[in-house]
Amino acid sequence: MNDERKKALQALKTSKGQIEGIIKMIEDERYCMDISNQIIAAQGLLKKSNLLILKQHLTHCVKDACRSDNGEEKIEEIINIIEKLMNKS
């Protein structure tokens, strides 16, 4: 497992813990703004994880595909992901 995937995995495990904490906060009827702040923090970790995975994909999968003259499909995949990310804004 390369460095980007290790970092993404760690961020996802941390966000999993945060989400479990958020669920408990809701069950315990904690203050709404505290819950919202924790949701924002979890979203940040998910975004970080996605960026790390995309970086890994570009620097390894896409790069290797382009070297072997079949990178068009990988480039199209990246374009589709960027479109999805832009539509989420």
N, C-alpha and C. Protein backbone atom coordinates (compact mmCIF):
# COMPACT_ATOMS: atom_id res chain seq x y z
N MET A 1 0.86 -1.18 0.00
CA MET A 1 0.00 0.00 0.00
C MET A 1 0.90 1.24 0.00
N ASN A 2 0.64 2.15 -0.94
CA ASN A 2 1.48 3.34 -1.02
C ASN A 2 1.08 4.38 0.02
N ASP A 3 1.88 5.44 0.07
CA ASP A 3 1.72 6.46 1.12
C ASP A 3 0.37 7.17 1.06
N GLU A 4 -0.08 7.52 -0.16
CA GLU A 4 -1.37 8.21 -0.28
C GLU A 4 -2.51 7.35 0.24
N ARG A 5 -2.48 6.06 -0.08
CA ARG A 5 -3.55 5.17 0.39
C ARG A 5 -3.50 5.00 1.90
N LYS A 6 -2.30 4.93 2.47
CA LYS A 6 -2.18 4.81 3.92
C LYS A 6 -2.76 6.04 4.61
N LYS A 7 -2.45 7.23 4.07
CA LYS A 7 -2.97 8.46 4.66
C LYS A 7 -4.49 8.54 4.50
N ALA A 8 -4.99 8.13 3.34
CA ALA A 8 -6.44 8.14 3.10
C ALA A 8 -7.13 7.19 4.06
N LEU A 9 -6.55 6.01 4.24
CA LEU A 9 -7.13 5.03 5.15
C LEU A 9 -7.18 5.57 6.58
N GLN A 10 -6.11 6.21 7.01
CA GLN A 10 -6.09 6.78 8.36
C GLN A 10 -7.14 7.87 8.52
N ALA A 11 -7.27 8.72 7.51
CA ALA A 11 -8.29 9.78 7.57
C ALA A 11 -9.69 9.19 7.60
N LEU A 12 -9.92 8.12 6.84
CA LEU A 12 -11.23 7.47 6.84
C LEU A 12 -11.53 6.82 8.19
N LYS A 13 -10.52 6.21 8.79
CA LYS A 13 -10.73 5.60 10.12
C LYS A 13 -11.03 6.67 11.15
N THR A 14 -10.35 7.81 11.04
CA THR A 14 -10.62 8.92 11.96
C THR A 14 -12.03 9.44 11.75
N SER A 15 -12.45 9.60 10.49
CA SER A 15 -13.80 10.10 10.22
C SER A 15 -14.85 9.09 10.69
N LYS A 16 -14.54 7.81 10.61
CA LYS A 16 -15.47 6.79 11.12
C LYS A 16 -15.69 7.01 12.62
N GLY A 17 -14.61 7.24 13.35
CA GLY A 17 -14.74 7.52 14.78
C GLY A 17 -15.52 8.79 15.04
N GLN A 18 -15.29 9.80 14.21
CA GLN A 18 -16.04 11.05 14.36
C GLN A 18 -17.53 10.82 14.11
N ILE A 19 -17.85 10.06 13.09
CA ILE A 19 -19.26 9.81 12.77
C ILE A 19 -19.93 9.04 13.89
N GLU A 20 -19.22 8.06 14.46
CA GLU A 20 -19.78 7.34 15.60
C GLU A 20 -20.03 8.30 16.77
N GLY A 21 -19.10 9.25 16.96
CA GLY A 21 -19.26 10.25 18.00
C GLY A 21 -20.45 11.18 17.73
N ILE A 22 -20.64 11.53 16.46
CA ILE A 22 -21.76 12.38 16.08
C ILE A 22 -23.08 11.68 16.35
N ILE A 23 -23.15 10.41 16.03
CA ILE A 23 -24.37 9.64 16.29
C ILE A 23 -24.68 9.65 17.78
N LYS A 24 -23.65 9.46 18.60
CA LYS A 24 -23.85 9.48 20.05
C LYS A 24 -24.29 10.86 20.52
N MET A 25 -23.71 11.90 19.92
CA MET A 25 -24.11 13.27 20.29
C MET A 25 -25.60 13.49 20.01
N ILE A 26 -26.06 13.01 18.88
CA ILE A 26 -27.48 13.16 18.53
C ILE A 26 -28.34 12.36 19.49
N GLU A 27 -27.93 11.14 19.78
CA GLU A 27 -28.68 10.30 20.71
C GLU A 27 -28.74 10.93 22.10
N ASP A 28 -27.66 11.61 22.48
CA ASP A 28 -27.60 12.26 23.79
C ASP A 28 -28.22 13.66 23.78
N GLU A 29 -28.79 14.03 22.62
CA GLU A 29 -29.45 15.33 22.45
C GLU A 29 -28.54 16.50 22.78
N ARG A 30 -27.32 16.43 22.27
CA ARG A 30 -26.34 17.50 22.47
C ARG A 30 -26.72 18.72 21.65
N TYR A 31 -26.07 19.81 21.92
CA TYR A 31 -26.33 21.10 21.29
C TYR A 31 -26.11 21.00 19.77
N CYS A 32 -27.07 21.50 19.02
CA CYS A 32 -27.08 21.38 17.55
C CYS A 32 -25.81 21.92 16.90
N MET A 33 -25.32 23.07 17.38
CA MET A 33 -24.15 23.67 16.76
C MET A 33 -22.90 22.82 16.99
N ASP A 34 -22.81 22.17 18.14
CA ASP A 34 -21.70 21.26 18.40
C ASP A 34 -21.74 20.08 17.43
N ILE A 35 -22.94 19.56 17.21
CA ILE A 35 -23.12 18.45 16.27
C ILE A 35 -22.74 18.90 14.86
N SER A 36 -23.21 20.06 14.46
CA SER A 36 -22.91 20.58 13.13
C SER A 36 -21.41 20.75 12.91
N ASN A 37 -20.72 21.29 13.91
CA ASN A 37 -19.26 21.45 13.81
C ASN A 37 -18.56 20.12 13.63
N GLN A 38 -19.03 19.09 14.31
CA GLN A 38 -18.43 17.76 14.17
C GLN A 38 -18.72 17.17 12.78
N ILE A 39 -19.90 17.44 12.25
CA ILE A 39 -20.23 16.97 10.90
C ILE A 39 -19.30 17.64 9.88
N ILE A 40 -19.07 18.93 10.05
CA ILE A 40 -18.16 19.67 9.15
C ILE A 40 -16.75 19.07 9.22
N ALA A 41 -16.29 18.74 10.43
CA ALA A 41 -14.97 18.14 10.59
C ALA A 41 -14.88 16.78 9.89
N ALA A 42 -15.93 15.98 10.01
CA ALA A 42 -15.96 14.67 9.36
C ALA A 42 -15.96 14.83 7.84
N GLN A 43 -16.72 15.80 7.34
CA GLN A 43 -16.74 16.06 5.90
C GLN A 43 -15.35 16.46 5.40
N GLY A 44 -14.65 17.23 6.19
CA GLY A 44 -13.29 17.65 5.83
C GLY A 44 -12.36 16.46 5.68
N LEU A 45 -12.48 15.50 6.60
CA LEU A 45 -11.65 14.30 6.50
C LEU A 45 -12.02 13.45 5.29
N LEU A 46 -13.29 13.39 4.97
CA LEU A 46 -13.71 12.64 3.78
C LEU A 46 -13.17 13.30 2.51
N LYS A 47 -13.21 14.63 2.46
CA LYS A 47 -12.66 15.35 1.31
C LYS A 47 -11.15 15.11 1.21
N LYS A 48 -10.46 15.15 2.34
CA LYS A 48 -9.02 14.90 2.36
C LYS A 48 -8.73 13.50 1.84
N SER A 49 -9.50 12.52 2.29
CA SER A 49 -9.31 11.14 1.85
C SER A 49 -9.50 11.02 0.34
N ASN A 50 -10.53 11.66 -0.16
CA ASN A 50 -10.80 11.61 -1.59
C ASN A 50 -9.66 12.24 -2.38
N LEU A 51 -9.15 13.37 -1.92
CA LEU A 51 -8.05 14.03 -2.60
C LEU A 51 -6.81 13.13 -2.64
N LEU A 52 -6.54 12.45 -1.53
CA LEU A 52 -5.39 11.54 -1.48
C LEU A 52 -5.55 10.37 -2.46
N ILE A 53 -6.75 9.84 -2.53
CA ILE A 53 -7.00 8.73 -3.46
C ILE A 53 -6.89 9.21 -4.90
N LEU A 54 -7.43 10.39 -5.19
CA LEU A 54 -7.32 10.93 -6.55
C LEU A 54 -5.87 11.23 -6.91
N LYS A 55 -5.11 11.72 -5.96
CA LYS A 55 -3.68 11.96 -6.19
C LYS A 55 -2.97 10.65 -6.52
N GLN A 56 -3.27 9.63 -5.77
CA GLN A 56 -2.67 8.32 -6.01
C GLN A 56 -3.06 7.81 -7.40
N HIS A 57 -4.31 7.99 -7.76
CA HIS A 57 -4.79 7.53 -9.07
C HIS A 57 -4.06 8.26 -10.20
N LEU A 58 -3.93 9.57 -10.06
CA LEU A 58 -3.25 10.35 -11.09
C LEU A 58 -1.77 10.00 -11.20
N THR A 59 -1.10 9.90 -10.07
CA THR A 59 0.35 9.69 -10.10
C THR A 59 0.75 8.26 -10.40
N HIS A 60 -0.18 7.34 -10.29
CA HIS A 60 0.15 5.94 -10.57
C HIS A 60 -0.67 5.39 -11.73
N CYS A 61 -1.96 5.25 -11.55
CA CYS A 61 -2.82 4.61 -12.55
C CYS A 61 -2.85 5.37 -13.88
N VAL A 62 -3.13 6.67 -13.81
CA VAL A 62 -3.24 7.46 -15.03
C VAL A 62 -1.87 7.57 -15.70
N LYS A 63 -0.86 7.83 -14.91
CA LYS A 63 0.50 7.95 -15.44
C LYS A 63 0.91 6.67 -16.16
N ASP A 64 0.70 5.53 -15.54
CA ASP A 64 1.05 4.24 -16.16
C ASP A 64 0.23 3.98 -17.42
N ALA A 65 -1.05 4.32 -17.39
CA ALA A 65 -1.91 4.12 -18.56
C ALA A 65 -1.46 5.00 -19.72
N CYS A 66 -1.08 6.22 -19.43
CA CYS A 66 -0.61 7.12 -20.49
C CYS A 66 0.70 6.63 -21.10
N ARG A 67 1.55 6.08 -20.28
CA ARG A 67 2.82 5.53 -20.79
C ARG A 67 2.60 4.34 -21.72
N SER A 68 1.54 3.59 -21.48
CA SER A 68 1.26 2.42 -22.32
C SER A 68 0.23 2.74 -23.41
N ASP A 69 0.05 4.02 -23.69
CA ASP A 69 -0.81 4.49 -24.77
C ASP A 69 -2.28 4.13 -24.65
N ASN A 70 -2.77 3.92 -23.45
CA ASN A 70 -4.21 3.70 -23.28
C ASN A 70 -4.74 4.54 -22.10
N GLY A 71 -4.26 5.79 -22.06
CA GLY A 71 -4.64 6.67 -20.96
C GLY A 71 -5.94 7.41 -21.14
N GLU A 72 -6.53 7.35 -22.34
CA GLU A 72 -7.75 8.12 -22.58
C GLU A 72 -8.88 7.73 -21.63
N GLU A 73 -9.04 6.45 -21.37
CA GLU A 73 -10.10 6.00 -20.46
C GLU A 73 -9.86 6.53 -19.04
N LYS A 74 -8.62 6.48 -18.59
CA LYS A 74 -8.30 6.98 -17.24
C LYS A 74 -8.52 8.48 -17.15
N ILE A 75 -8.17 9.19 -18.19
CA ILE A 75 -8.38 10.64 -18.20
C ILE A 75 -9.88 10.95 -18.17
N GLU A 76 -10.66 10.20 -18.91
CA GLU A 76 -12.11 10.38 -18.90
C GLU A 76 -12.69 10.12 -17.50
N GLU A 77 -12.16 9.11 -16.81
CA GLU A 77 -12.60 8.84 -15.43
C GLU A 77 -12.35 10.05 -14.54
N ILE A 78 -11.18 10.65 -14.65
CA ILE A 78 -10.84 11.82 -13.84
C ILE A 78 -11.77 12.98 -14.17
N ILE A 79 -12.04 13.19 -15.44
CA ILE A 79 -12.95 14.26 -15.85
C ILE A 79 -14.33 14.04 -15.23
N ASN A 80 -14.82 12.80 -15.25
CA ASN A 80 -16.12 12.49 -14.65
C ASN A 80 -16.14 12.76 -13.15
N ILE A 81 -15.07 12.42 -12.47
CA ILE A 81 -14.99 12.68 -11.03
C ILE A 81 -14.97 14.19 -10.77
N ILE A 82 -14.20 14.92 -11.55
CA ILE A 82 -14.15 16.38 -11.38
C ILE A 82 -15.52 16.99 -11.60
N GLU A 83 -16.25 16.50 -12.60
CA GLU A 83 -17.61 16.99 -12.83
C GLU A 83 -18.50 16.72 -11.61
N LYS A 84 -18.39 15.54 -11.04
CA LYS A 84 -19.18 15.22 -9.83
C LYS A 84 -18.81 16.15 -8.69
N LEU A 85 -17.53 16.38 -8.50
CA LEU A 85 -17.09 17.26 -7.42
C LEU A 85 -17.59 18.69 -7.63
N MET A 86 -17.58 19.15 -8.84
CA MET A 86 -18.04 20.51 -9.14
C MET A 86 -19.54 20.65 -8.95
N ASN A 87 -20.28 19.62 -9.21
CA ASN A 87 -21.74 19.66 -9.04
C ASN A 87 -22.14 19.62 -7.57
N LYS A 88 -21.25 19.20 -6.68
CA LYS A 88 -21.55 19.12 -5.25
C LYS A 88 -21.43 20.47 -4.58
N SER A 89 -20.80 21.43 -5.25
CA SER A 89 -20.58 22.74 -4.61
C SER A 89 -21.85 23.49 -4.41
